[in-house]
Every structure is written in structure tokens, then in C-alpha cells.
Amino acid sequence: MDPKRWRKPVTIELGKTGRMRAVSSTQEAAELLLMQWPQKGGIHHLLARIACLAVLEGEMPPRHARAAFIKACEEAEIFIQPE
């Protein structure tokens, strides 16, 4: 198993179409944060990007990127499907 994968995916709603997407790794989260984020990022967006980079470089465990990604979603008012 890829050590950068999350134990539990984060399922979010992207765009106004109601399309749900399960994000299951730090790599996927980093790509969303960098290339597909729906608005200009705030402080949690920045912190999530930093956390993803730290995980991808092996400096932090994946759970830190997952938690930071969730906070960035909440900040951007992106719907997160309850676990």
C-alpha cells in the first residue's frame, strides 16, 4: 500500500453539479489544492498545501495532510460527505 494514501477517503462535492469525488491520497489532495480549487485560497488552503508537500517529501504522516485538506474544504465551504 502506498504510504501516502489515506486510511479513509474524504468524499467532497465539486462544483455546482453535485458531482462527488472521493479523495484518497495526499497526491490527489495536492492536485486539487493546486489546480482545481474553486476559489482563491485562504490560510487553511495554504496550510493544506504545505502539509501535502511535507507528506510527499516524507516529513509528516499522511493523516496530517488529510486533516489539513478537510480544514481547507471547510474554509472554502466545500461539502464534505459525513463519514
C-alpha atoms as a PDB file:
ATOM      1  CA  MET A   1       0.000   0.000   0.000  1.00  0.00           C
ATOM      2  CA  ASP A   2       1.224   3.474  -0.875  1.00  0.00           C
ATOM      3  CA  PRO A   3       2.289   5.180   2.375  1.00  0.00           C
ATOM      4  CA  LYS A   4       0.843   8.486   1.125  1.00  0.00           C
ATOM      5  CA  ARG A   5      -2.667   7.005   0.799  1.00  0.00           C
ATOM      6  CA  TRP A   6      -5.208   7.814   3.439  1.00  0.00           C
ATOM      7  CA  ARG A   7      -6.859   5.108   5.527  1.00  0.00           C
ATOM      8  CA  LYS A   8     -10.256   6.653   4.822  1.00  0.00           C
ATOM      9  CA  PRO A   9     -11.065   8.771   1.740  1.00  0.00           C
ATOM     10  CA  VAL A  10     -12.611  12.224   2.045  1.00  0.00           C
ATOM     11  CA  THR A  11     -15.639  12.495  -0.249  1.00  0.00           C
ATOM     12  CA  ILE A  12     -16.330  16.049  -1.379  1.00  0.00           C
ATOM     13  CA  GLU A  13     -18.731  17.765  -3.746  1.00  0.00           C
ATOM     14  CA  LEU A  14     -17.005  19.585  -6.578  1.00  0.00           C
ATOM     15  CA  GLY A  15     -18.681  22.386  -8.470  1.00  0.00           C
ATOM     16  CA  LYS A  16     -22.342  23.187  -8.649  1.00  0.00           C
ATOM     17  CA  THR A  17     -23.301  19.966 -10.410  1.00  0.00           C
ATOM     18  CA  GLY A  18     -23.341  17.891  -7.269  1.00  0.00           C
ATOM     19  CA  ARG A  19     -20.561  15.666  -8.560  1.00  0.00           C
ATOM     20  CA  MET A  20     -18.974  13.807  -5.671  1.00  0.00           C
ATOM     21  CA  ARG A  21     -15.324  12.847  -5.623  1.00  0.00           C
ATOM     22  CA  ALA A  22     -13.512  10.585  -3.189  1.00  0.00           C
ATOM     23  CA  VAL A  23     -10.039  11.894  -2.410  1.00  0.00           C
ATOM     24  CA  SER A  24      -7.971   9.032  -1.049  1.00  0.00           C
ATOM     25  CA  SER A  25      -4.368  10.194  -1.109  1.00  0.00           C
ATOM     26  CA  THR A  26      -2.105  13.106  -0.401  1.00  0.00           C
ATOM     27  CA  GLN A  27      -1.209  13.267  -4.105  1.00  0.00           C
ATOM     28  CA  GLU A  28      -4.875  13.651  -5.112  1.00  0.00           C
ATOM     29  CA  ALA A  29      -5.428  16.321  -2.474  1.00  0.00           C
ATOM     30  CA  ALA A  30      -2.346  18.256  -3.593  1.00  0.00           C
ATOM     31  CA  GLU A  31      -3.534  18.220  -7.219  1.00  0.00           C
ATOM     32  CA  LEU A  32      -6.960  19.530  -6.209  1.00  0.00           C
ATOM     33  CA  LEU A  33      -5.485  22.223  -3.980  1.00  0.00           C
ATOM     34  CA  LEU A  34      -3.080  23.388  -6.676  1.00  0.00           C
ATOM     35  CA  MET A  35      -5.067  23.020  -9.881  1.00  0.00           C
ATOM     36  CA  GLN A  36      -8.804  22.657  -9.274  1.00  0.00           C
ATOM     37  CA  TRP A  37      -9.594  24.684  -6.173  1.00  0.00           C
ATOM     38  CA  PRO A  38     -12.903  26.505  -6.710  1.00  0.00           C
ATOM     39  CA  GLN A  39     -11.835  29.840  -5.232  1.00  0.00           C
ATOM     40  CA  LYS A  40      -8.884  31.855  -4.083  1.00  0.00           C
ATOM     41  CA  GLY A  41      -7.437  30.027  -1.115  1.00  0.00           C
ATOM     42  CA  GLY A  42      -7.282  31.256   2.433  1.00  0.00           C
ATOM     43  CA  ILE A  43      -4.971  30.348   5.287  1.00  0.00           C
ATOM     44  CA  HIS A  44      -6.237  26.752   5.564  1.00  0.00           C
ATOM     45  CA  HIS A  45      -5.758  26.281   1.825  1.00  0.00           C
ATOM     46  CA  LEU A  46      -2.145  27.388   2.213  1.00  0.00           C
ATOM     47  CA  LEU A  47      -1.607  25.184   5.270  1.00  0.00           C
ATOM     48  CA  ALA A  48      -3.083  22.184   3.426  1.00  0.00           C
ATOM     49  CA  ARG A  49      -0.712  22.744   0.520  1.00  0.00           C
ATOM     50  CA  ILE A  50       2.223  22.901   2.943  1.00  0.00           C
ATOM     51  CA  ALA A  51       1.036  19.742   4.739  1.00  0.00           C
ATOM     52  CA  CYS A  52       0.674  17.858   1.446  1.00  0.00           C
ATOM     53  CA  LEU A  53       4.176  18.852   0.398  1.00  0.00           C
ATOM     54  CA  ALA A  54       5.584  17.741   3.764  1.00  0.00           C
ATOM     55  CA  VAL A  55       3.863  14.355   3.441  1.00  0.00           C
ATOM     56  CA  LEU A  56       5.006  13.891  -0.152  1.00  0.00           C
ATOM     57  CA  GLU A  57       8.569  14.636   0.983  1.00  0.00           C
ATOM     58  CA  GLY A  58       8.270  12.076   3.783  1.00  0.00           C
ATOM     59  CA  GLU A  59       8.428  14.609   6.614  1.00  0.00           C
ATOM     60  CA  MET A  60       4.936  14.004   8.034  1.00  0.00           C
ATOM     61  CA  PRO A  61       2.458  11.107   8.116  1.00  0.00           C
ATOM     62  CA  PRO A  62      -0.484  11.180   5.668  1.00  0.00           C
ATOM     63  CA  ARG A  63      -3.055  11.843   8.415  1.00  0.00           C
ATOM     64  CA  HIS A  64      -1.714  15.419   8.712  1.00  0.00           C
ATOM     65  CA  ALA A  65      -2.403  16.135   5.040  1.00  0.00           C
ATOM     66  CA  ARG A  66      -5.879  14.606   5.338  1.00  0.00           C
ATOM     67  CA  ALA A  67      -6.765  16.749   8.361  1.00  0.00           C
ATOM     68  CA  ALA A  68      -5.417  19.897   6.691  1.00  0.00           C
ATOM     69  CA  PHE A  69      -7.322  19.088   3.490  1.00  0.00           C
ATOM     70  CA  ILE A  70     -10.580  18.781   5.442  1.00  0.00           C
ATOM     71  CA  LYS A  71      -9.986  22.176   7.082  1.00  0.00           C
ATOM     72  CA  ALA A  72      -9.304  23.724   3.658  1.00  0.00           C
ATOM     73  CA  CYS A  73     -12.567  22.257   2.348  1.00  0.00           C
ATOM     74  CA  GLU A  74     -14.468  23.664   5.313  1.00  0.00           C
ATOM     75  CA  GLU A  75     -12.860  27.066   4.773  1.00  0.00           C
ATOM     76  CA  ALA A  76     -13.909  27.029   1.100  1.00  0.00           C
ATOM     77  CA  GLU A  77     -17.413  25.826   2.054  1.00  0.00           C
ATOM     78  CA  ILE A  78     -16.976  22.647   0.026  1.00  0.00           C
ATOM     79  CA  PHE A  79     -19.455  19.992   1.080  1.00  0.00           C
ATOM     80  CA  ILE A  80     -17.811  17.005   2.773  1.00  0.00           C
ATOM     81  CA  GLN A  81     -19.871  13.843   2.897  1.00  0.00           C
ATOM     82  CA  PRO A  82     -20.199  12.711   6.533  1.00  0.00           C
ATOM     83  CA  GLU A  83     -18.140   9.662   7.450  1.00  0.00           C
END
